[in-house]
Amino acid sequence: MTQDKLQNHPVSNVLWVDVSKIVANDYNPNAVAKNEMQLLYHSIKHDGYTQPIVTIYDEEQDKYIIVDGFHRHLVLKTYQDIFDSTDGQLPIVVINKDINDRMASTIRHNRARGKHSVNGMGNIVFGMLENGWDDARICNEVGLEAEELIRLKHVTGFSKLFENVEYKKAWESKQQVIIRKNYEASNNQGN
């Protein structure tokens, strides 16, 4: 692909702009629940800004108006540690669209994100459990409530693995079992 073609995509022209120059649009139908906002903050804190905010430039106001990314913008304005991490700058891309195209773009961005399927989430959680993360860490890192985690364990069959087993406060993960077996094997070689 030639560089000329790539330049036609807004992501090729990411700008860092002071948050005071960026304003919300007045039509976005997307609402984010408190838990998801906490997860977004957690994500930005741990991963940084991985996607620019989509904007249009309004010459009259000398402002960038958000088409997509309002909640990422809100995190920067709400959390001092995030603000400090970028010196109050946000990554943006600028598109040139009329109001109807902007509204359509906002909806496309919101809807294209999709939803996590229960089975897909369950399989990921099952893998995390097998790899040694405990319930509390999983809930904290991916923004799950304890009840959601229990339901995901049930859906994946993870809970069936333990139906005839006496409950233990700390279950051994697959990795812990391997480490323990290797340790015991190395100790038995000396005897």
N, C-alpha and C. Protein backbone atom coordinates (compact mmCIF):
# COMPACT_ATOMS: atom_id res chain seq x y z
N MET A 1 0.85 -1.18 0.00
CA MET A 1 0.00 0.00 0.00
C MET A 1 0.89 1.25 0.00
N THR A 2 0.52 2.21 -0.75
CA THR A 2 1.33 3.43 -0.81
C THR A 2 1.01 4.33 0.38
N GLN A 3 1.95 5.16 0.73
CA GLN A 3 1.77 6.11 1.84
C GLN A 3 0.62 7.07 1.55
N ASP A 4 0.41 7.41 0.28
CA ASP A 4 -0.70 8.31 -0.08
C ASP A 4 -2.04 7.71 0.34
N LYS A 5 -2.22 6.43 0.06
CA LYS A 5 -3.47 5.77 0.44
C LYS A 5 -3.63 5.77 1.96
N LEU A 6 -2.55 5.50 2.66
CA LEU A 6 -2.62 5.45 4.13
C LEU A 6 -2.97 6.81 4.72
N GLN A 7 -2.50 7.87 4.10
CA GLN A 7 -2.78 9.22 4.60
C GLN A 7 -4.26 9.58 4.53
N ASN A 8 -5.03 8.86 3.71
CA ASN A 8 -6.47 9.09 3.62
C ASN A 8 -7.23 8.60 4.86
N HIS A 9 -6.56 7.82 5.70
CA HIS A 9 -7.20 7.31 6.91
C HIS A 9 -6.85 8.23 8.09
N PRO A 10 -7.87 8.67 8.82
CA PRO A 10 -7.62 9.61 9.92
C PRO A 10 -6.58 9.12 10.93
N VAL A 11 -6.49 7.84 11.16
CA VAL A 11 -5.56 7.32 12.16
C VAL A 11 -4.10 7.59 11.79
N SER A 12 -3.86 7.92 10.52
CA SER A 12 -2.50 8.28 10.10
C SER A 12 -2.11 9.68 10.56
N ASN A 13 -3.07 10.41 11.10
CA ASN A 13 -2.82 11.80 11.50
C ASN A 13 -3.29 12.07 12.92
N VAL A 14 -2.81 11.29 13.87
CA VAL A 14 -3.19 11.49 15.27
C VAL A 14 -2.50 12.75 15.79
N LEU A 15 -3.29 13.60 16.45
CA LEU A 15 -2.79 14.83 17.06
C LEU A 15 -2.98 14.73 18.57
N TRP A 16 -2.08 15.34 19.31
CA TRP A 16 -2.28 15.48 20.75
C TRP A 16 -2.74 16.91 20.98
N VAL A 17 -3.94 17.07 21.54
CA VAL A 17 -4.56 18.38 21.69
C VAL A 17 -4.93 18.60 23.15
N ASP A 18 -4.76 19.83 23.62
CA ASP A 18 -5.14 20.17 24.98
C ASP A 18 -6.63 19.93 25.19
N VAL A 19 -6.97 19.31 26.31
CA VAL A 19 -8.36 18.93 26.59
C VAL A 19 -9.30 20.13 26.59
N SER A 20 -8.80 21.32 26.87
CA SER A 20 -9.64 22.52 26.87
C SER A 20 -10.15 22.86 25.47
N LYS A 21 -9.51 22.32 24.44
CA LYS A 21 -9.91 22.58 23.05
C LYS A 21 -10.89 21.52 22.53
N ILE A 22 -11.27 20.57 23.39
CA ILE A 22 -12.12 19.45 22.97
C ILE A 22 -13.43 19.51 23.73
N VAL A 23 -14.55 19.44 23.01
CA VAL A 23 -15.87 19.51 23.64
C VAL A 23 -16.75 18.36 23.15
N ALA A 24 -17.73 18.03 23.97
CA ALA A 24 -18.68 16.96 23.63
C ALA A 24 -19.65 17.44 22.57
N ASN A 25 -20.18 16.48 21.81
CA ASN A 25 -21.26 16.82 20.89
C ASN A 25 -22.55 16.87 21.70
N ASP A 26 -23.63 17.31 21.10
CA ASP A 26 -24.89 17.43 21.85
C ASP A 26 -25.92 16.38 21.43
N TYR A 27 -25.46 15.27 20.86
CA TYR A 27 -26.41 14.28 20.37
C TYR A 27 -26.06 12.82 20.71
N ASN A 28 -24.95 12.56 21.34
CA ASN A 28 -24.51 11.17 21.56
C ASN A 28 -25.50 10.41 22.44
N PRO A 29 -26.04 9.29 21.95
CA PRO A 29 -26.98 8.50 22.74
C PRO A 29 -26.32 7.50 23.67
N ASN A 30 -25.00 7.38 23.62
CA ASN A 30 -24.31 6.34 24.38
C ASN A 30 -24.17 6.74 25.85
N ALA A 31 -24.55 5.83 26.71
CA ALA A 31 -24.38 6.03 28.15
C ALA A 31 -23.55 4.87 28.68
N VAL A 32 -22.69 5.15 29.62
CA VAL A 32 -21.84 4.12 30.20
C VAL A 32 -22.14 4.02 31.69
N ALA A 33 -22.39 2.81 32.15
CA ALA A 33 -22.68 2.58 33.56
C ALA A 33 -21.44 2.83 34.41
N LYS A 34 -21.66 3.05 35.69
CA LYS A 34 -20.58 3.37 36.63
C LYS A 34 -19.47 2.31 36.61
N ASN A 35 -19.84 1.03 36.60
CA ASN A 35 -18.83 -0.03 36.59
C ASN A 35 -17.98 0.01 35.32
N GLU A 36 -18.63 0.27 34.18
CA GLU A 36 -17.88 0.34 32.93
C GLU A 36 -16.98 1.58 32.89
N MET A 37 -17.43 2.67 33.49
CA MET A 37 -16.56 3.85 33.57
C MET A 37 -15.33 3.55 34.43
N GLN A 38 -15.52 2.82 35.52
CA GLN A 38 -14.39 2.43 36.35
C GLN A 38 -13.44 1.54 35.57
N LEU A 39 -14.00 0.63 34.76
CA LEU A 39 -13.17 -0.25 33.94
C LEU A 39 -12.42 0.55 32.87
N LEU A 40 -13.06 1.54 32.29
CA LEU A 40 -12.40 2.39 31.30
C LEU A 40 -11.24 3.14 31.96
N TYR A 41 -11.47 3.68 33.15
CA TYR A 41 -10.38 4.35 33.89
C TYR A 41 -9.24 3.36 34.14
N HIS A 42 -9.58 2.16 34.61
CA HIS A 42 -8.59 1.12 34.90
C HIS A 42 -7.81 0.78 33.62
N SER A 43 -8.51 0.66 32.51
CA SER A 43 -7.88 0.34 31.23
C SER A 43 -6.90 1.44 30.82
N ILE A 44 -7.32 2.69 30.89
CA ILE A 44 -6.44 3.80 30.50
C ILE A 44 -5.26 3.90 31.46
N LYS A 45 -5.50 3.67 32.74
CA LYS A 45 -4.42 3.73 33.73
C LYS A 45 -3.36 2.66 33.44
N HIS A 46 -3.80 1.46 33.09
CA HIS A 46 -2.86 0.35 32.87
C HIS A 46 -2.31 0.27 31.45
N ASP A 47 -3.13 0.63 30.46
CA ASP A 47 -2.72 0.47 29.06
C ASP A 47 -2.44 1.78 28.35
N GLY A 48 -2.81 2.91 28.96
CA GLY A 48 -2.68 4.20 28.30
C GLY A 48 -3.80 4.40 27.29
N TYR A 49 -3.75 5.51 26.58
CA TYR A 49 -4.72 5.76 25.52
C TYR A 49 -4.29 4.94 24.31
N THR A 50 -5.10 3.97 23.94
CA THR A 50 -4.77 3.10 22.81
C THR A 50 -5.57 3.46 21.56
N GLN A 51 -6.57 4.32 21.71
CA GLN A 51 -7.38 4.75 20.58
C GLN A 51 -7.59 6.26 20.67
N PRO A 52 -7.42 6.95 19.56
CA PRO A 52 -7.67 8.39 19.59
C PRO A 52 -9.16 8.70 19.64
N ILE A 53 -9.49 9.88 20.10
CA ILE A 53 -10.87 10.37 20.09
C ILE A 53 -11.13 10.88 18.68
N VAL A 54 -12.29 10.52 18.13
CA VAL A 54 -12.66 10.96 16.79
C VAL A 54 -13.38 12.31 16.94
N THR A 55 -12.94 13.30 16.18
CA THR A 55 -13.50 14.65 16.29
C THR A 55 -13.72 15.26 14.91
N ILE A 56 -14.41 16.39 14.93
CA ILE A 56 -14.43 17.30 13.78
C ILE A 56 -13.91 18.63 14.33
N TYR A 57 -13.36 19.44 13.46
CA TYR A 57 -12.88 20.74 13.90
C TYR A 57 -13.94 21.78 13.55
N ASP A 58 -14.36 22.54 14.56
CA ASP A 58 -15.33 23.62 14.36
C ASP A 58 -14.55 24.93 14.36
N GLU A 59 -14.42 25.50 13.18
CA GLU A 59 -13.62 26.72 13.01
C GLU A 59 -14.21 27.89 13.79
N GLU A 60 -15.55 28.01 13.79
CA GLU A 60 -16.21 29.12 14.49
C GLU A 60 -15.87 29.12 15.98
N GLN A 61 -15.93 27.95 16.59
CA GLN A 61 -15.65 27.84 18.03
C GLN A 61 -14.16 27.67 18.32
N ASP A 62 -13.38 27.34 17.29
CA ASP A 62 -11.98 26.97 17.45
C ASP A 62 -11.86 25.83 18.46
N LYS A 63 -12.72 24.83 18.28
CA LYS A 63 -12.76 23.66 19.16
C LYS A 63 -12.88 22.41 18.31
N TYR A 64 -12.47 21.30 18.91
CA TYR A 64 -12.68 19.99 18.32
C TYR A 64 -13.90 19.38 19.00
N ILE A 65 -14.88 18.98 18.22
CA ILE A 65 -16.12 18.42 18.76
C ILE A 65 -16.04 16.89 18.63
N ILE A 66 -16.32 16.22 19.71
CA ILE A 66 -16.20 14.77 19.75
C ILE A 66 -17.30 14.10 18.93
N VAL A 67 -16.88 13.18 18.08
CA VAL A 67 -17.79 12.30 17.35
C VAL A 67 -17.85 10.96 18.07
N ASP A 68 -16.69 10.47 18.50
CA ASP A 68 -16.60 9.22 19.27
C ASP A 68 -15.44 9.33 20.25
N GLY A 69 -15.69 8.92 21.48
CA GLY A 69 -14.62 8.93 22.48
C GLY A 69 -14.93 9.82 23.67
N PHE A 70 -16.20 10.20 23.82
CA PHE A 70 -16.57 11.10 24.91
C PHE A 70 -16.14 10.55 26.27
N HIS A 71 -16.31 9.27 26.50
CA HIS A 71 -16.00 8.71 27.83
C HIS A 71 -14.50 8.64 28.08
N ARG A 72 -13.70 8.44 27.03
CA ARG A 72 -12.24 8.52 27.18
C ARG A 72 -11.83 9.95 27.51
N HIS A 73 -12.52 10.90 26.91
CA HIS A 73 -12.33 12.33 27.20
C HIS A 73 -12.70 12.62 28.65
N LEU A 74 -13.83 12.07 29.09
CA LEU A 74 -14.32 12.28 30.46
C LEU A 74 -13.35 11.72 31.49
N VAL A 75 -12.74 10.57 31.20
CA VAL A 75 -11.77 9.99 32.13
C VAL A 75 -10.61 10.96 32.34
N LEU A 76 -10.11 11.56 31.28
CA LEU A 76 -9.00 12.52 31.42
C LEU A 76 -9.41 13.71 32.26
N LYS A 77 -10.64 14.18 32.08
CA LYS A 77 -11.11 15.35 32.82
C LYS A 77 -11.45 15.02 34.28
N THR A 78 -11.73 13.76 34.57
CA THR A 78 -12.19 13.35 35.91
C THR A 78 -11.06 12.89 36.82
N TYR A 79 -10.07 12.23 36.26
CA TYR A 79 -9.02 11.60 37.07
C TYR A 79 -7.69 12.33 36.90
N GLN A 80 -7.23 12.92 37.98
CA GLN A 80 -6.00 13.72 37.95
C GLN A 80 -4.80 12.90 37.50
N ASP A 81 -4.71 11.62 37.92
CA ASP A 81 -3.55 10.82 37.53
C ASP A 81 -3.50 10.60 36.02
N ILE A 82 -4.67 10.45 35.40
CA ILE A 82 -4.71 10.29 33.95
C ILE A 82 -4.36 11.63 33.28
N PHE A 83 -4.93 12.71 33.77
CA PHE A 83 -4.63 14.05 33.27
C PHE A 83 -3.12 14.30 33.31
N ASP A 84 -2.52 14.00 34.47
CA ASP A 84 -1.08 14.22 34.64
C ASP A 84 -0.25 13.35 33.69
N SER A 85 -0.74 12.14 33.40
CA SER A 85 0.04 11.22 32.56
C SER A 85 0.16 11.71 31.11
N THR A 86 -0.73 12.63 30.69
CA THR A 86 -0.66 13.16 29.32
C THR A 86 -0.48 14.68 29.31
N ASP A 87 -0.23 15.25 30.48
CA ASP A 87 -0.15 16.72 30.60
C ASP A 87 -1.40 17.40 30.05
N GLY A 88 -2.56 16.76 30.26
CA GLY A 88 -3.83 17.35 29.84
C GLY A 88 -4.08 17.30 28.34
N GLN A 89 -3.36 16.46 27.64
CA GLN A 89 -3.51 16.31 26.19
C GLN A 89 -4.27 15.02 25.89
N LEU A 90 -5.06 15.05 24.83
CA LEU A 90 -5.77 13.86 24.37
C LEU A 90 -5.37 13.56 22.93
N PRO A 91 -5.24 12.26 22.60
CA PRO A 91 -4.99 11.91 21.21
C PRO A 91 -6.29 12.00 20.42
N ILE A 92 -6.27 12.72 19.32
CA ILE A 92 -7.48 12.85 18.50
C ILE A 92 -7.15 12.61 17.03
N VAL A 93 -8.18 12.26 16.29
CA VAL A 93 -8.14 12.30 14.83
C VAL A 93 -9.28 13.21 14.41
N VAL A 94 -9.14 13.82 13.26
CA VAL A 94 -10.14 14.76 12.77
C VAL A 94 -10.73 14.21 11.47
N ILE A 95 -12.05 14.17 11.43
CA ILE A 95 -12.74 13.81 10.20
C ILE A 95 -13.49 15.05 9.72
N ASN A 96 -13.84 15.07 8.47
CA ASN A 96 -14.54 16.22 7.92
C ASN A 96 -15.90 15.74 7.42
N LYS A 97 -16.93 15.88 8.26
CA LYS A 97 -18.27 15.38 7.96
C LYS A 97 -19.31 16.42 8.33
N ASP A 98 -20.44 16.41 7.60
CA ASP A 98 -21.54 17.28 8.00
C ASP A 98 -22.25 16.66 9.20
N ILE A 99 -23.20 17.36 9.78
CA ILE A 99 -23.82 16.95 11.03
C ILE A 99 -24.49 15.57 10.92
N ASN A 100 -25.21 15.29 9.85
CA ASN A 100 -25.86 13.98 9.72
C ASN A 100 -24.85 12.85 9.60
N ASP A 101 -23.79 13.08 8.84
CA ASP A 101 -22.74 12.07 8.72
C ASP A 101 -22.03 11.86 10.06
N ARG A 102 -21.86 12.95 10.82
CA ARG A 102 -21.24 12.81 12.16
C ARG A 102 -22.12 11.99 13.08
N MET A 103 -23.43 12.27 13.06
CA MET A 103 -24.34 11.50 13.92
C MET A 103 -24.33 10.03 13.52
N ALA A 104 -24.34 9.77 12.22
CA ALA A 104 -24.29 8.39 11.75
C ALA A 104 -22.97 7.74 12.17
N SER A 105 -21.89 8.49 12.09
CA SER A 105 -20.58 7.97 12.49
C SER A 105 -20.56 7.64 13.98
N THR A 106 -21.15 8.50 14.80
CA THR A 106 -21.22 8.24 16.24
C THR A 106 -21.94 6.92 16.50
N ILE A 107 -23.07 6.73 15.85
CA ILE A 107 -23.83 5.49 16.06
C ILE A 107 -23.04 4.29 15.56
N ARG A 108 -22.42 4.41 14.39
CA ARG A 108 -21.61 3.29 13.87
C ARG A 108 -20.49 2.92 14.84
N HIS A 109 -19.79 3.93 15.35
CA HIS A 109 -18.71 3.65 16.31
C HIS A 109 -19.26 2.95 17.55
N ASN A 110 -20.37 3.45 18.08
CA ASN A 110 -20.95 2.85 19.29
C ASN A 110 -21.39 1.41 19.04
N ARG A 111 -22.09 1.19 17.96
CA ARG A 111 -22.65 -0.14 17.69
C ARG A 111 -21.59 -1.13 17.22
N ALA A 112 -20.55 -0.66 16.54
CA ALA A 112 -19.53 -1.57 16.01
C ALA A 112 -18.68 -2.19 17.11
N ARG A 113 -18.71 -1.62 18.31
CA ARG A 113 -17.91 -2.19 19.40
C ARG A 113 -18.43 -3.57 19.79
N GLY A 114 -19.72 -3.79 19.61
CA GLY A 114 -20.28 -5.11 19.90
C GLY A 114 -20.37 -5.38 21.39
N LYS A 115 -20.75 -6.56 21.69
CA LYS A 115 -20.90 -7.01 23.07
C LYS A 115 -20.09 -8.29 23.23
N HIS A 116 -19.68 -8.57 24.44
CA HIS A 116 -18.99 -9.82 24.71
C HIS A 116 -20.02 -10.93 24.85
N SER A 117 -19.79 -12.03 24.17
CA SER A 117 -20.70 -13.17 24.32
C SER A 117 -20.42 -13.83 25.66
N VAL A 118 -21.44 -14.43 26.23
CA VAL A 118 -21.29 -15.11 27.52
C VAL A 118 -20.28 -16.24 27.39
N ASN A 119 -20.40 -17.04 26.34
CA ASN A 119 -19.47 -18.16 26.17
C ASN A 119 -18.04 -17.68 25.98
N GLY A 120 -17.86 -16.64 25.17
CA GLY A 120 -16.52 -16.11 24.95
C GLY A 120 -15.90 -15.58 26.24
N MET A 121 -16.68 -14.81 26.99
CA MET A 121 -16.20 -14.29 28.28
C MET A 121 -15.91 -15.45 29.23
N GLY A 122 -16.80 -16.44 29.25
CA GLY A 122 -16.61 -17.59 30.13
C GLY A 122 -15.32 -18.33 29.82
N ASN A 123 -15.02 -18.50 28.54
CA ASN A 123 -13.80 -19.19 28.16
C ASN A 123 -12.56 -18.41 28.57
N ILE A 124 -12.62 -17.09 28.43
CA ILE A 124 -11.48 -16.27 28.84
C ILE A 124 -11.29 -16.38 30.36
N VAL A 125 -12.38 -16.27 31.11
CA VAL A 125 -12.29 -16.37 32.57
C VAL A 125 -11.77 -17.75 32.97
N PHE A 126 -12.26 -18.80 32.32
CA PHE A 126 -11.78 -20.15 32.60
C PHE A 126 -10.27 -20.23 32.40
N GLY A 127 -9.78 -19.64 31.30
CA GLY A 127 -8.34 -19.63 31.04
C GLY A 127 -7.57 -18.87 32.10
N MET A 128 -8.10 -17.73 32.55
CA MET A 128 -7.44 -16.96 33.60
C MET A 128 -7.35 -17.76 34.89
N LEU A 129 -8.43 -18.45 35.22
CA LEU A 129 -8.43 -19.28 36.43
C LEU A 129 -7.41 -20.40 36.30
N GLU A 130 -7.38 -21.05 35.15
CA GLU A 130 -6.40 -22.13 34.93
C GLU A 130 -4.97 -21.62 34.99
N ASN A 131 -4.77 -20.37 34.61
CA ASN A 131 -3.43 -19.80 34.59
C ASN A 131 -3.03 -19.16 35.91
N GLY A 132 -3.86 -19.33 36.94
CA GLY A 132 -3.44 -18.94 38.27
C GLY A 132 -4.03 -17.69 38.87
N TRP A 133 -4.87 -16.94 38.13
CA TRP A 133 -5.47 -15.76 38.73
C TRP A 133 -6.61 -16.20 39.63
N ASP A 134 -6.73 -15.55 40.79
CA ASP A 134 -7.84 -15.86 41.69
C ASP A 134 -9.05 -15.01 41.33
N ASP A 135 -10.18 -15.34 41.95
CA ASP A 135 -11.44 -14.66 41.65
C ASP A 135 -11.33 -13.15 41.82
N ALA A 136 -10.72 -12.71 42.91
CA ALA A 136 -10.63 -11.28 43.20
C ALA A 136 -9.85 -10.55 42.12
N ARG A 137 -8.75 -11.14 41.67
CA ARG A 137 -7.95 -10.47 40.65
C ARG A 137 -8.70 -10.40 39.32
N ILE A 138 -9.37 -11.48 38.97
CA ILE A 138 -10.14 -11.47 37.72
C ILE A 138 -11.21 -10.37 37.79
N CYS A 139 -11.96 -10.34 38.89
CA CYS A 139 -13.01 -9.33 39.03
C CYS A 139 -12.43 -7.93 38.93
N ASN A 140 -11.31 -7.70 39.58
CA ASN A 140 -10.68 -6.38 39.57
C ASN A 140 -10.16 -6.00 38.19
N GLU A 141 -9.50 -6.92 37.52
CA GLU A 141 -8.85 -6.59 36.25
C GLU A 141 -9.82 -6.45 35.08
N VAL A 142 -10.94 -7.18 35.10
CA VAL A 142 -11.85 -7.10 33.96
C VAL A 142 -13.19 -6.47 34.31
N GLY A 143 -13.33 -5.97 35.54
CA GLY A 143 -14.52 -5.23 35.91
C GLY A 143 -15.76 -6.09 36.10
N LEU A 144 -15.59 -7.29 36.63
CA LEU A 144 -16.73 -8.16 36.90
C LEU A 144 -17.18 -8.04 38.34
N GLU A 145 -18.46 -8.19 38.57
CA GLU A 145 -18.99 -8.35 39.91
C GLU A 145 -18.84 -9.83 40.28
N ALA A 146 -18.78 -10.14 41.58
CA ALA A 146 -18.61 -11.52 42.02
C ALA A 146 -19.72 -12.43 41.46
N GLU A 147 -20.95 -11.91 41.41
CA GLU A 147 -22.07 -12.72 40.90
C GLU A 147 -21.88 -13.04 39.42
N GLU A 148 -21.34 -12.08 38.66
CA GLU A 148 -21.09 -12.32 37.24
C GLU A 148 -20.06 -13.42 37.06
N LEU A 149 -19.01 -13.39 37.89
CA LEU A 149 -17.97 -14.40 37.81
C LEU A 149 -18.55 -15.78 38.12
N ILE A 150 -19.39 -15.86 39.14
CA ILE A 150 -20.02 -17.14 39.50
C ILE A 150 -20.84 -17.67 38.32
N ARG A 151 -21.62 -16.79 37.69
CA ARG A 151 -22.43 -17.21 36.53
C ARG A 151 -21.54 -17.68 35.39
N LEU A 152 -20.44 -16.97 35.12
CA LEU A 152 -19.54 -17.39 34.05
C LEU A 152 -18.90 -18.73 34.36
N LYS A 153 -18.55 -18.97 35.61
CA LYS A 153 -18.00 -20.27 36.00
C LYS A 153 -19.02 -21.37 35.76
N HIS A 154 -20.26 -21.09 36.08
CA HIS A 154 -21.31 -22.08 35.90
C HIS A 154 -21.54 -22.37 34.42
N VAL A 155 -21.61 -21.32 33.60
CA VAL A 155 -21.87 -21.47 32.17
C VAL A 155 -20.77 -22.28 31.50
N THR A 156 -19.52 -22.06 31.88
CA THR A 156 -18.40 -22.75 31.22
C THR A 156 -18.23 -24.17 31.71
N GLY A 157 -18.90 -24.52 32.80
CA GLY A 157 -18.70 -25.85 33.35
C GLY A 157 -17.58 -25.90 34.36
N PHE A 158 -16.93 -24.75 34.59
CA PHE A 158 -15.84 -24.71 35.57
C PHE A 158 -16.31 -25.20 36.93
N SER A 159 -17.52 -24.79 37.30
CA SER A 159 -18.04 -25.19 38.61
C SER A 159 -18.27 -26.69 38.69
N LYS A 160 -18.57 -27.35 37.54
CA LYS A 160 -18.80 -28.80 37.53
C LYS A 160 -17.53 -29.55 37.89
N LEU A 161 -16.37 -28.97 37.60
CA LEU A 161 -15.11 -29.64 37.93
C LEU A 161 -14.99 -29.89 39.43
N PHE A 162 -15.72 -29.11 40.22
CA PHE A 162 -15.56 -29.17 41.67
C PHE A 162 -16.82 -29.64 42.39
N GLU A 163 -17.81 -30.19 41.65
CA GLU A 163 -19.09 -30.52 42.30
C GLU A 163 -18.98 -31.62 43.35
N ASN A 164 -18.07 -32.56 43.22
CA ASN A 164 -17.93 -33.64 44.20
C ASN A 164 -16.66 -33.51 45.02
N VAL A 165 -16.17 -32.29 45.14
CA VAL A 165 -14.92 -32.04 45.85
C VAL A 165 -15.21 -31.14 47.03
N GLU A 166 -14.56 -31.44 48.16
CA GLU A 166 -14.74 -30.59 49.33
C GLU A 166 -14.10 -29.23 49.04
N TYR A 167 -14.80 -28.17 49.41
CA TYR A 167 -14.34 -26.82 49.15
C TYR A 167 -13.04 -26.53 49.86
N LYS A 168 -12.11 -25.90 49.16
CA LYS A 168 -10.86 -25.42 49.74
C LYS A 168 -10.79 -23.93 49.48
N LYS A 169 -10.28 -23.18 50.44
CA LYS A 169 -10.22 -21.73 50.28
C LYS A 169 -9.36 -21.33 49.08
N ALA A 170 -8.25 -21.98 48.88
CA ALA A 170 -7.37 -21.63 47.76
C ALA A 170 -7.17 -22.86 46.88
N TRP A 171 -7.78 -22.86 45.70
CA TRP A 171 -7.61 -23.97 44.76
C TRP A 171 -6.27 -23.79 44.05
N GLU A 172 -5.66 -24.92 43.73
CA GLU A 172 -4.41 -24.86 42.97
C GLU A 172 -4.73 -24.71 41.49
N SER A 173 -4.03 -23.82 40.85
CA SER A 173 -4.19 -23.66 39.40
C SER A 173 -3.32 -24.71 38.70
N LYS A 174 -3.51 -24.84 37.40
CA LYS A 174 -2.72 -25.77 36.59
C LYS A 174 -1.23 -25.44 36.75
N GLN A 175 -0.89 -24.16 36.70
CA GLN A 175 0.50 -23.74 36.83
C GLN A 175 1.07 -24.10 38.21
N GLN A 176 0.26 -23.91 39.25
CA GLN A 176 0.72 -24.26 40.60
C GLN A 176 0.97 -25.76 40.73
N VAL A 177 0.11 -26.56 40.12
CA VAL A 177 0.28 -28.02 40.16
C VAL A 177 1.58 -28.42 39.48
N ILE A 178 1.86 -27.82 38.32
CA ILE A 178 3.10 -28.12 37.59
C ILE A 178 4.32 -27.74 38.42
N ILE A 179 4.29 -26.57 39.02
CA ILE A 179 5.41 -26.11 39.86
C ILE A 179 5.61 -27.06 41.03
N ARG A 180 4.50 -27.44 41.70
CA ARG A 180 4.59 -28.35 42.85
C ARG A 180 5.18 -29.69 42.42
N LYS A 181 4.71 -30.25 41.29
CA LYS A 181 5.21 -31.55 40.81
C LYS A 181 6.69 -31.46 40.47
N ASN A 182 7.10 -30.40 39.80
CA ASN A 182 8.52 -30.22 39.48
C ASN A 182 9.36 -30.10 40.73
N TYR A 183 8.85 -29.39 41.74
CA TYR A 183 9.56 -29.22 43.00
C TYR A 183 9.72 -30.57 43.70
N GLU A 184 8.61 -31.32 43.77
CA GLU A 184 8.66 -32.64 44.43
C GLU A 184 9.58 -33.58 43.69
N ALA A 185 9.55 -33.53 42.36
CA ALA A 185 10.42 -34.40 41.56
C ALA A 185 11.88 -34.08 41.80
N SER A 186 12.20 -32.79 41.86
CA SER A 186 13.61 -32.42 42.08
C SER A 186 14.07 -32.81 43.49
N ASN A 187 13.18 -32.76 44.47
CA ASN A 187 13.53 -33.17 45.84
C ASN A 187 13.68 -34.68 45.94
N ASN A 188 12.90 -35.44 45.20
CA ASN A 188 12.95 -36.89 45.25
C ASN A 188 14.18 -37.44 44.53
N GLN A 189 14.78 -36.69 43.61
CA GLN A 189 15.97 -37.14 42.90
C GLN A 189 17.17 -37.26 43.84
N GLY A 190 17.18 -36.40 44.84
CA GLY A 190 18.29 -36.40 45.80
C GLY A 190 18.19 -37.54 46.81
N ASN A 191 17.04 -38.21 46.92
CA ASN A 191 16.86 -39.28 47.93
C ASN A 191 17.20 -40.63 47.39
